[in-house]
């Protein structure tokens, strides 16, 4: 893990604890180290589905927003809050409640 991501198992445990013991995105089991493929920076520990979903959209926020817009158009039971930028982490933040996004 140190060679691939530059972190130790203890670092992973610390990240998981900081995430509340769950996936960084959902209440799922944290199993996969998520990292920026361009910079190599570790972003968090994700469950299989969230990691797969990011991979399927190639970490592209425009595609993720497109998926959110698509769900919004086709479901009145879903509510969305989209903040374009989180200055504390430097990441784009999307909050989705009332629906689940599953990787195929």
Foldseek 3Di string as FASTA:
>chain_A
DCVQQVDDPVVQVVQCVVCVNAAVADRHHFDAFDAQPVPSHTDGTHDPFVNLVCVVVVVDVVVVVVVVVVVVVVDPQKDWDWDQADVVVRDGDTDIPRDDDGDD
